[in-house]
C-alpha atoms as a PDB file:
ATOM      1  CA  MET A   1      -3.771 -34.966 -10.336  1.00  0.00           C
ATOM      2  CA  LEU A   2      -5.500 -31.916  -8.828  1.00  0.00           C
ATOM      3  CA  ARG A   3      -2.405 -31.196  -6.752  1.00  0.00           C
ATOM      4  CA  LYS A   4      -0.241 -31.104  -9.900  1.00  0.00           C
ATOM      5  CA  ILE A   5      -2.653 -28.715 -11.612  1.00  0.00           C
ATOM      6  CA  VAL A   6      -2.690 -26.380  -8.611  1.00  0.00           C
ATOM      7  CA  THR A   7       1.114 -26.474  -8.405  1.00  0.00           C
ATOM      8  CA  VAL A   8       1.502 -25.637 -12.095  1.00  0.00           C
ATOM      9  CA  ALA A   9      -1.045 -22.820 -11.783  1.00  0.00           C
ATOM     10  CA  LEU A  10       0.776 -21.315  -8.804  1.00  0.00           C
ATOM     11  CA  ILE A  11       4.146 -21.497 -10.511  1.00  0.00           C
ATOM     12  CA  GLY A  12       2.710 -19.978 -13.682  1.00  0.00           C
ATOM     13  CA  SER A  13       1.068 -17.104 -11.844  1.00  0.00           C
ATOM     14  CA  SER A  14       4.278 -16.426  -9.905  1.00  0.00           C
ATOM     15  CA  LEU A  15       6.266 -16.223 -13.134  1.00  0.00           C
ATOM     16  CA  ALA A  16       3.666 -13.963 -14.725  1.00  0.00           C
ATOM     17  CA  MET A  17       3.771 -11.545 -11.804  1.00  0.00           C
ATOM     18  CA  ALA A  18       7.579 -11.522 -11.834  1.00  0.00           C
ATOM     19  CA  ALA A  19       7.607 -10.792 -15.556  1.00  0.00           C
ATOM     20  CA  CYS A  20       5.085  -7.994 -15.114  1.00  0.00           C
ATOM     21  CA  ASN A  21       7.239  -6.341 -12.468  1.00  0.00           C
ATOM     22  CA  THR A  22      10.303  -6.704 -14.666  1.00  0.00           C
ATOM     23  CA  VAL A  23       8.600  -5.097 -17.660  1.00  0.00           C
ATOM     24  CA  ARG A  24       7.243  -2.299 -15.494  1.00  0.00           C
ATOM     25  CA  GLY A  25      10.718  -1.647 -14.074  1.00  0.00           C
ATOM     26  CA  ALA A  26      12.274  -1.645 -17.527  1.00  0.00           C
ATOM     27  CA  ALA A  27       9.670   0.856 -18.718  1.00  0.00           C
ATOM     28  CA  ARG A  28      10.512   3.156 -15.800  1.00  0.00           C
ATOM     29  CA  ASP A  29      14.226   2.933 -16.632  1.00  0.00           C
ATOM     30  CA  VAL A  30      13.621   3.796 -20.284  1.00  0.00           C
ATOM     31  CA  ASN A  31      11.351   6.666 -19.313  1.00  0.00           C
ATOM     32  CA  SER A  32      13.932   7.982 -16.871  1.00  0.00           C
ATOM     33  CA  ALA A  33      16.676   7.816 -19.504  1.00  0.00           C
ATOM     34  CA  ALA A  34      14.457   9.627 -22.025  1.00  0.00           C
ATOM     35  CA  ASN A  35      13.735  12.376 -19.513  1.00  0.00           C
ATOM     36  CA  ALA A  36      17.438  12.761 -18.780  1.00  0.00           C
ATOM     37  CA  VAL A  37      18.211  13.149 -22.488  1.00  0.00           C
ATOM     38  CA  ASP A  38      15.417  15.692 -22.901  1.00  0.00           C
ATOM     39  CA  ASN A  39      16.678  17.709 -19.923  1.00  0.00           C
ATOM     40  CA  ALA A  40      20.253  17.649 -21.249  1.00  0.00           C
ATOM     41  CA  THR A  41      19.289  19.130 -24.621  1.00  0.00           C
END
């Protein structure tokens, strides 16, 4: 039972870290696009 709990916790934390990196990368892309539009005008 403890092994299942640890496995679920590890999988959950891995997914959370992957999602965090994805959101951070998306925010950088949006920021970069906004800067490009500002520089073009």
